[in-house]
């Protein structure tokens, strides 16, 4: 058993070792996790923006191709909605089939 004189040094060593272990096993992995989560969130935002701009392009193309009339504007919006829903369905189908 340790002497009473060695006890403060042993306690300091225990605290230092606990702090180093906590930093190594908890804090550093959490920093890496935060970095990866930030990259994933940034990628999701960019993909969403790209999808929105692609649908806006489809809508503009449909308005240019179809004749000018109120009903053809409605048809252009319907076609854009169908393309957007099909794209979202394709993405959801690929995600669900990859996870299984």
C-alpha atoms as a PDB file:
ATOM      1  CA  UNK A   1       0.000   0.000   0.000  1.00  0.00           C
ATOM      2  CA  UNK A   2       1.167   3.522  -0.710  1.00  0.00           C
ATOM      3  CA  UNK A   3       2.476   5.834   1.970  1.00  0.00           C
ATOM      4  CA  UNK A   4       0.562   8.947   2.954  1.00  0.00           C
ATOM      5  CA  UNK A   5       3.349  11.051   1.381  1.00  0.00           C
ATOM      6  CA  UNK A   6       2.837   9.379  -2.002  1.00  0.00           C
ATOM      7  CA  UNK A   7      -0.938   9.854  -1.996  1.00  0.00           C
ATOM      8  CA  UNK A   8      -1.041  13.432  -3.441  1.00  0.00           C
ATOM      9  CA  UNK A   9       1.254  12.389  -6.297  1.00  0.00           C
ATOM     10  CA  UNK A  10      -0.889   9.327  -7.010  1.00  0.00           C
ATOM     11  CA  UNK A  11      -4.039  11.465  -7.071  1.00  0.00           C
ATOM     12  CA  UNK A  12      -2.393  13.935  -9.496  1.00  0.00           C
ATOM     13  CA  UNK A  13      -1.336  11.061 -11.726  1.00  0.00           C
ATOM     14  CA  UNK A  14      -4.851   9.633 -11.649  1.00  0.00           C
ATOM     15  CA  UNK A  15      -6.388  12.998 -12.577  1.00  0.00           C
ATOM     16  CA  UNK A  16      -3.876  13.537 -15.404  1.00  0.00           C
ATOM     17  CA  UNK A  17      -4.405  10.046 -16.731  1.00  0.00           C
ATOM     18  CA  UNK A  18      -8.198  10.438 -16.578  1.00  0.00           C
ATOM     19  CA  UNK A  19      -8.030  13.801 -18.380  1.00  0.00           C
ATOM     20  CA  UNK A  20      -5.788  12.375 -21.120  1.00  0.00           C
ATOM     21  CA  UNK A  21      -8.043   9.339 -21.539  1.00  0.00           C
ATOM     22  CA  UNK A  22     -11.146  11.529 -21.737  1.00  0.00           C
ATOM     23  CA  UNK A  23      -9.509  13.752 -24.348  1.00  0.00           C
ATOM     24  CA  UNK A  24      -8.304  10.778 -26.401  1.00  0.00           C
ATOM     25  CA  UNK A  25     -11.442   8.641 -26.277  1.00  0.00           C
ATOM     26  CA  UNK A  26     -14.266  11.206 -26.152  1.00  0.00           C
ATOM     27  CA  UNK A  27     -13.311  14.723 -27.199  1.00  0.00           C
ATOM     28  CA  UNK A  28     -11.226  13.959 -30.304  1.00  0.00           C
ATOM     29  CA  UNK A  29     -13.782  11.492 -31.770  1.00  0.00           C
ATOM     30  CA  UNK A  30     -16.554  14.034 -31.121  1.00  0.00           C
ATOM     31  CA  UNK A  31     -14.596  16.680 -33.035  1.00  0.00           C
ATOM     32  CA  UNK A  32     -14.196  14.271 -35.952  1.00  0.00           C
ATOM     33  CA  UNK A  33     -17.890  13.403 -35.816  1.00  0.00           C
ATOM     34  CA  UNK A  34     -18.816  17.086 -35.887  1.00  0.00           C
ATOM     35  CA  UNK A  35     -16.547  17.652 -38.873  1.00  0.00           C
ATOM     36  CA  UNK A  36     -18.121  14.745 -40.786  1.00  0.00           C
ATOM     37  CA  UNK A  37     -21.643  15.854 -39.865  1.00  0.00           C
ATOM     38  CA  UNK A  38     -20.868  19.350 -41.126  1.00  0.00           C
ATOM     39  CA  UNK A  39     -19.620  17.964 -44.432  1.00  0.00           C
ATOM     40  CA  UNK A  40     -22.744  15.821 -44.771  1.00  0.00           C
ATOM     41  CA  UNK A  41     -25.021  18.760 -44.036  1.00  0.00           C
ATOM     42  CA  UNK A  42     -23.180  20.938 -46.533  1.00  0.00           C
ATOM     43  CA  UNK A  43     -23.470  18.237 -49.189  1.00  0.00           C
ATOM     44  CA  UNK A  44     -27.176  17.827 -48.528  1.00  0.00           C
ATOM     45  CA  UNK A  45     -27.723  21.570 -48.881  1.00  0.00           C
ATOM     46  CA  UNK A  46     -25.811  21.662 -52.167  1.00  0.00           C
ATOM     47  CA  UNK A  47     -27.717  18.661 -53.561  1.00  0.00           C
ATOM     48  CA  UNK A  48     -31.019  20.270 -52.557  1.00  0.00           C
ATOM     49  CA  UNK A  49     -30.056  23.517 -54.240  1.00  0.00           C
ATOM     50  CA  UNK A  50     -29.029  21.618 -57.372  1.00  0.00           C
ATOM     51  CA  UNK A  51     -32.329  19.738 -57.451  1.00  0.00           C
ATOM     52  CA  UNK A  52     -34.278  22.964 -57.036  1.00  0.00           C
ATOM     53  CA  UNK A  53     -32.371  24.650 -59.859  1.00  0.00           C
ATOM     54  CA  UNK A  54     -32.836  21.594 -62.100  1.00  0.00           C
ATOM     55  CA  UNK A  55     -36.602  21.670 -61.522  1.00  0.00           C
ATOM     56  CA  UNK A  56     -36.628  25.391 -62.197  1.00  0.00           C
ATOM     57  CA  UNK A  57     -34.856  24.650 -65.483  1.00  0.00           C
ATOM     58  CA  UNK A  58     -37.435  21.975 -66.367  1.00  0.00           C
ATOM     59  CA  UNK A  59     -40.228  24.440 -65.674  1.00  0.00           C
ATOM     60  CA  UNK A  60     -38.615  27.147 -67.798  1.00  0.00           C
ATOM     61  CA  UNK A  61     -38.030  24.654 -70.629  1.00  0.00           C
ATOM     62  CA  UNK A  62     -41.661  23.537 -70.525  1.00  0.00           C
ATOM     63  CA  UNK A  63     -42.836  27.156 -70.650  1.00  0.00           C
ATOM     64  CA  UNK A  64     -40.620  27.777 -73.692  1.00  0.00           C
ATOM     65  CA  UNK A  65     -41.610  24.588 -75.556  1.00  0.00           C
ATOM     66  CA  UNK A  66     -45.351  24.672 -74.919  1.00  0.00           C
ATOM     67  CA  UNK A  67     -47.577  27.266 -76.603  1.00  0.00           C
ATOM     68  CA  UNK A  68     -48.565  30.361 -74.616  1.00  0.00           C
ATOM     69  CA  UNK A  69     -51.850  29.844 -72.850  1.00  0.00           C
ATOM     70  CA  UNK A  70     -53.031  29.692 -69.270  1.00  0.00           C
ATOM     71  CA  UNK A  71     -53.700  25.956 -69.540  1.00  0.00           C
ATOM     72  CA  UNK A  72     -50.245  25.259 -70.942  1.00  0.00           C
ATOM     73  CA  UNK A  73     -48.706  27.050 -67.970  1.00  0.00           C
ATOM     74  CA  UNK A  74     -50.701  24.700 -65.755  1.00  0.00           C
ATOM     75  CA  UNK A  75     -49.471  21.758 -67.856  1.00  0.00           C
ATOM     76  CA  UNK A  76     -45.870  22.982 -67.505  1.00  0.00           C
ATOM     77  CA  UNK A  77     -46.310  23.106 -63.735  1.00  0.00           C
ATOM     78  CA  UNK A  78     -47.867  19.642 -63.718  1.00  0.00           C
ATOM     79  CA  UNK A  79     -45.014  18.188 -65.772  1.00  0.00           C
ATOM     80  CA  UNK A  80     -42.502  19.837 -63.438  1.00  0.00           C
ATOM     81  CA  UNK A  81     -44.300  18.398 -60.395  1.00  0.00           C
ATOM     82  CA  UNK A  82     -44.331  14.916 -61.943  1.00  0.00           C
ATOM     83  CA  UNK A  83     -40.605  15.139 -62.764  1.00  0.00           C
ATOM     84  CA  UNK A  84     -39.861  16.317 -59.216  1.00  0.00           C
ATOM     85  CA  UNK A  85     -41.955  13.549 -57.657  1.00  0.00           C
ATOM     86  CA  UNK A  86     -40.333  10.945 -59.914  1.00  0.00           C
ATOM     87  CA  UNK A  87     -36.877  12.205 -58.956  1.00  0.00           C
ATOM     88  CA  UNK A  88     -37.713  12.110 -55.253  1.00  0.00           C
ATOM     89  CA  UNK A  89     -39.180   8.615 -55.644  1.00  0.00           C
ATOM     90  CA  UNK A  90     -36.057   7.422 -57.458  1.00  0.00           C
ATOM     91  CA  UNK A  91     -33.823   8.776 -54.709  1.00  0.00           C
ATOM     92  CA  UNK A  92     -35.987   7.218 -51.977  1.00  0.00           C
ATOM     93  CA  UNK A  93     -36.030   3.883 -53.826  1.00  0.00           C
ATOM     94  CA  UNK A  94     -32.228   3.864 -54.181  1.00  0.00           C
ATOM     95  CA  UNK A  95     -31.739   4.771 -50.531  1.00  0.00           C
ATOM     96  CA  UNK A  96     -34.097   2.044 -49.323  1.00  0.00           C
ATOM     97  CA  UNK A  97     -32.606  -0.614 -51.598  1.00  0.00           C
ATOM     98  CA  UNK A  98     -29.040   0.238 -50.532  1.00  0.00           C
ATOM     99  CA  UNK A  99     -29.824   0.023 -46.836  1.00  0.00           C
ATOM    100  CA  UNK A 100     -31.183  -3.513 -46.998  1.00  0.00           C
END
